Amino acid sequence: QVQLVESGGGLVQAGGSLRLSCVASGLTFSNYAMGWFRQAPGKDREFVAALNWSGHGTYYADSVKGRFTISRDNAKNTVYLQMNSLKPEDTAVYYCAAGVTVQYGIAGAYHYWGQGTQVTVSS
């Protein structure tokens, strides 16, 4: 059974930082592209960042480019999202996803999803 478990969310002031983690089990982690998506209340789920199986190819939404960094440790079956210079508009539930895909920004291209972790940025 595949499981993706996110952690690291919380409440932070604008300008602060958080580091999200997502630990995967039940799959050959190094075979999968990994992505982070987020969903704010009343809004559609949106792409945040992704990286390919090796971690050498990274992709970002324009809204987070230069502030967020995605990385992975295949030995630990873990993907990270370092979030700096956080803004109130970054407030959302953040989900990690795994997929055998090159459509990194498309939610439907991912096969497995975590349960999400809440990030709240106060102004």
C-alpha atoms as a PDB file:
ATOM      1  CA  GLN A   1       0.000   0.000   0.000  1.00  0.00           C
ATOM      2  CA  VAL A   2       1.433   3.333  -1.067  1.00  0.00           C
ATOM      3  CA  GLN A   3       1.508   6.079   1.544  1.00  0.00           C
ATOM      4  CA  LEU A   4       2.688   9.655   1.354  1.00  0.00           C
ATOM      5  CA  VAL A   5       2.857  11.446   4.690  1.00  0.00           C
ATOM      6  CA  GLU A   6       3.468  15.184   4.852  1.00  0.00           C
ATOM      7  CA  SER A   7       4.710  17.094   7.866  1.00  0.00           C
ATOM      8  CA  GLY A   8       6.166  20.474   8.746  1.00  0.00           C
ATOM      9  CA  GLY A   9       3.182  22.717   8.268  1.00  0.00           C
ATOM     10  CA  GLY A  10       2.150  25.332  10.800  1.00  0.00           C
ATOM     11  CA  LEU A  11       1.546  28.983  11.531  1.00  0.00           C
ATOM     12  CA  VAL A  12       4.228  31.488  10.586  1.00  0.00           C
ATOM     13  CA  GLN A  13       4.438  35.243  10.194  1.00  0.00           C
ATOM     14  CA  ALA A  14       4.868  36.838   6.802  1.00  0.00           C
ATOM     15  CA  GLY A  15       8.514  36.790   5.799  1.00  0.00           C
ATOM     16  CA  GLY A  16       9.169  33.616   7.750  1.00  0.00           C
ATOM     17  CA  SER A  17      10.164  30.146   6.625  1.00  0.00           C
ATOM     18  CA  LEU A  18       8.892  26.598   6.859  1.00  0.00           C
ATOM     19  CA  ARG A  19      10.220  23.295   5.604  1.00  0.00           C
ATOM     20  CA  LEU A  20       7.729  20.664   4.542  1.00  0.00           C
ATOM     21  CA  SER A  21       8.648  16.989   4.324  1.00  0.00           C
ATOM     22  CA  CYS A  22       6.882  14.105   2.624  1.00  0.00           C
ATOM     23  CA  VAL A  23       7.895  10.536   3.363  1.00  0.00           C
ATOM     24  CA  ALA A  24       6.849   7.880   0.875  1.00  0.00           C
ATOM     25  CA  SER A  25       6.410   4.166   1.450  1.00  0.00           C
ATOM     26  CA  GLY A  26       5.111   1.235  -0.560  1.00  0.00           C
ATOM     27  CA  LEU A  27       6.674   2.319  -3.847  1.00  0.00           C
ATOM     28  CA  THR A  28      10.064   2.458  -5.535  1.00  0.00           C
ATOM     29  CA  PHE A  29      10.579   6.099  -4.667  1.00  0.00           C
ATOM     30  CA  SER A  30      13.443   6.738  -7.083  1.00  0.00           C
ATOM     31  CA  ASN A  31      11.202   5.801 -10.025  1.00  0.00           C
ATOM     32  CA  TYR A  32       8.745   8.613  -9.344  1.00  0.00           C
ATOM     33  CA  ALA A  33       8.561  12.303 -10.058  1.00  0.00           C
ATOM     34  CA  MET A  34       7.451  14.159  -6.938  1.00  0.00           C
ATOM     35  CA  GLY A  35       5.338  17.271  -6.755  1.00  0.00           C
ATOM     36  CA  TRP A  36       3.922  19.722  -4.266  1.00  0.00           C
ATOM     37  CA  PHE A  37       0.503  21.241  -4.798  1.00  0.00           C
ATOM     38  CA  ARG A  38      -1.605  23.497  -2.604  1.00  0.00           C
ATOM     39  CA  GLN A  39      -5.242  24.327  -2.156  1.00  0.00           C
ATOM     40  CA  ALA A  40      -6.597  27.410  -0.448  1.00  0.00           C
ATOM     41  CA  PRO A  41     -10.206  27.628   0.788  1.00  0.00           C
ATOM     42  CA  GLY A  42     -12.582  28.147  -2.108  1.00  0.00           C
ATOM     43  CA  LYS A  43      -9.862  27.725  -4.710  1.00  0.00           C
ATOM     44  CA  ASP A  44      -8.727  24.948  -7.009  1.00  0.00           C
ATOM     45  CA  ARG A  45      -5.684  22.868  -6.242  1.00  0.00           C
ATOM     46  CA  GLU A  46      -2.651  24.487  -7.845  1.00  0.00           C
ATOM     47  CA  PHE A  47       0.832  23.391  -8.749  1.00  0.00           C
ATOM     48  CA  VAL A  48       3.667  24.635  -6.556  1.00  0.00           C
ATOM     49  CA  ALA A  49       6.836  22.713  -7.420  1.00  0.00           C
ATOM     50  CA  ALA A  50       8.056  19.383  -8.774  1.00  0.00           C
ATOM     51  CA  LEU A  51      11.195  17.498  -9.519  1.00  0.00           C
ATOM     52  CA  ASN A  52      12.005  14.483 -11.629  1.00  0.00           C
ATOM     53  CA  TRP A  53      13.130  11.100 -10.367  1.00  0.00           C
ATOM     54  CA  SER A  54      16.790  12.091 -10.056  1.00  0.00           C
ATOM     55  CA  GLY A  55      16.168  15.499  -8.552  1.00  0.00           C
ATOM     56  CA  HIS A  56      18.202  17.208 -11.252  1.00  0.00           C
ATOM     57  CA  GLY A  57      15.159  18.621 -12.995  1.00  0.00           C
ATOM     58  CA  THR A  58      13.111  21.070 -10.937  1.00  0.00           C
ATOM     59  CA  TYR A  59      10.003  23.041 -11.859  1.00  0.00           C
ATOM     60  CA  TYR A  60       8.232  25.865 -10.070  1.00  0.00           C
ATOM     61  CA  ALA A  61       5.084  27.915 -10.294  1.00  0.00           C
ATOM     62  CA  ASP A  62       5.869  31.534 -11.074  1.00  0.00           C
ATOM     63  CA  SER A  63       4.290  32.588  -7.785  1.00  0.00           C
ATOM     64  CA  VAL A  64       6.910  30.725  -5.722  1.00  0.00           C
ATOM     65  CA  LYS A  65       9.974  30.897  -7.955  1.00  0.00           C
ATOM     66  CA  GLY A  66      12.948  32.292  -6.045  1.00  0.00           C
ATOM     67  CA  ARG A  67      11.280  31.711  -2.666  1.00  0.00           C
ATOM     68  CA  PHE A  68      10.620  27.951  -2.557  1.00  0.00           C
ATOM     69  CA  THR A  69      13.073  25.115  -3.161  1.00  0.00           C
ATOM     70  CA  ILE A  70      12.117  21.503  -3.781  1.00  0.00           C
ATOM     71  CA  SER A  71      14.575  18.686  -3.155  1.00  0.00           C
ATOM     72  CA  ARG A  72      14.583  14.954  -2.577  1.00  0.00           C
ATOM     73  CA  ASP A  73      16.608  12.331  -0.768  1.00  0.00           C
ATOM     74  CA  ASN A  74      16.062   9.008  -2.509  1.00  0.00           C
ATOM     75  CA  ALA A  75      17.894   7.153   0.271  1.00  0.00           C
ATOM     76  CA  LYS A  76      15.270   8.393   2.743  1.00  0.00           C
ATOM     77  CA  ASN A  77      12.251   8.200   0.400  1.00  0.00           C
ATOM     78  CA  THR A  78      11.628  11.839   1.226  1.00  0.00           C
ATOM     79  CA  VAL A  79      10.839  14.998  -0.703  1.00  0.00           C
ATOM     80  CA  TYR A  80      11.188  18.446   0.849  1.00  0.00           C
ATOM     81  CA  LEU A  81       9.799  21.885   0.179  1.00  0.00           C
ATOM     82  CA  GLN A  82      11.797  24.716   1.714  1.00  0.00           C
ATOM     83  CA  MET A  83       9.585  27.801   1.804  1.00  0.00           C
ATOM     84  CA  ASN A  84      11.185  31.175   2.466  1.00  0.00           C
ATOM     85  CA  SER A  85       9.841  34.733   2.414  1.00  0.00           C
ATOM     86  CA  LEU A  86       6.356  33.424   3.019  1.00  0.00           C
ATOM     87  CA  LYS A  87       3.377  35.606   2.167  1.00  0.00           C
ATOM     88  CA  PRO A  88      -0.222  35.490   3.417  1.00  0.00           C
ATOM     89  CA  GLU A  89      -1.274  34.324  -0.053  1.00  0.00           C
ATOM     90  CA  ASP A  90       0.805  31.165   0.483  1.00  0.00           C
ATOM     91  CA  THR A  91      -1.747  30.064   3.073  1.00  0.00           C
ATOM     92  CA  ALA A  92      -3.180  26.712   1.974  1.00  0.00           C
ATOM     93  CA  VAL A  93      -3.178  22.990   2.550  1.00  0.00           C
ATOM     94  CA  TYR A  94      -0.049  21.621   0.924  1.00  0.00           C
ATOM     95  CA  TYR A  95      -0.075  18.170  -0.667  1.00  0.00           C
ATOM     96  CA  CYS A  96       2.738  16.041  -1.961  1.00  0.00           C
ATOM     97  CA  ALA A  97       2.178  13.740  -4.902  1.00  0.00           C
ATOM     98  CA  ALA A  98       4.041  10.965  -6.701  1.00  0.00           C
ATOM     99  CA  GLY A  99       3.743  10.060 -10.351  1.00  0.00           C
ATOM    100  CA  VAL A 100       5.485   8.422 -13.252  1.00  0.00           C
ATOM    101  CA  THR A 101       5.108  11.465 -15.430  1.00  0.00           C
ATOM    102  CA  VAL A 102       6.792  14.344 -17.185  1.00  0.00           C
ATOM    103  CA  GLN A 103       3.673  16.507 -16.911  1.00  0.00           C
ATOM    104  CA  TYR A 104       4.985  17.931 -13.687  1.00  0.00           C
ATOM    105  CA  GLY A 105       2.477  20.734 -13.317  1.00  0.00           C
ATOM    106  CA  ILE A 106      -0.659  18.676 -13.931  1.00  0.00           C
ATOM    107  CA  ALA A 107      -2.369  17.269 -10.836  1.00  0.00           C
ATOM    108  CA  GLY A 108      -4.086  14.539 -12.837  1.00  0.00           C
ATOM    109  CA  ALA A 109      -0.713  13.164 -13.934  1.00  0.00           C
ATOM    110  CA  TYR A 110       0.162  12.055 -10.398  1.00  0.00           C
ATOM    111  CA  HIS A 111      -0.856   8.640  -9.129  1.00  0.00           C
ATOM    112  CA  TYR A 112      -0.539   9.005  -5.371  1.00  0.00           C
ATOM    113  CA  TRP A 113      -1.315  11.801  -2.922  1.00  0.00           C
ATOM    114  CA  GLY A 114      -0.695  12.576   0.708  1.00  0.00           C
ATOM    115  CA  GLN A 115      -3.307  13.799   3.149  1.00  0.00           C
ATOM    116  CA  GLY A 116      -1.994  17.353   3.220  1.00  0.00           C
ATOM    117  CA  THR A 117      -0.472  19.672   5.790  1.00  0.00           C
ATOM    118  CA  GLN A 118      -1.805  23.117   6.662  1.00  0.00           C
ATOM    119  CA  VAL A 119       0.372  26.184   6.164  1.00  0.00           C
ATOM    120  CA  THR A 120      -0.937  29.470   7.534  1.00  0.00           C
ATOM    121  CA  VAL A 121       0.932  32.733   7.008  1.00  0.00           C
ATOM    122  CA  SER A 122      -0.191  35.672   9.105  1.00  0.00           C
ATOM    123  CA  SER A 123       0.277  39.265   8.009  1.00  0.00           C
END
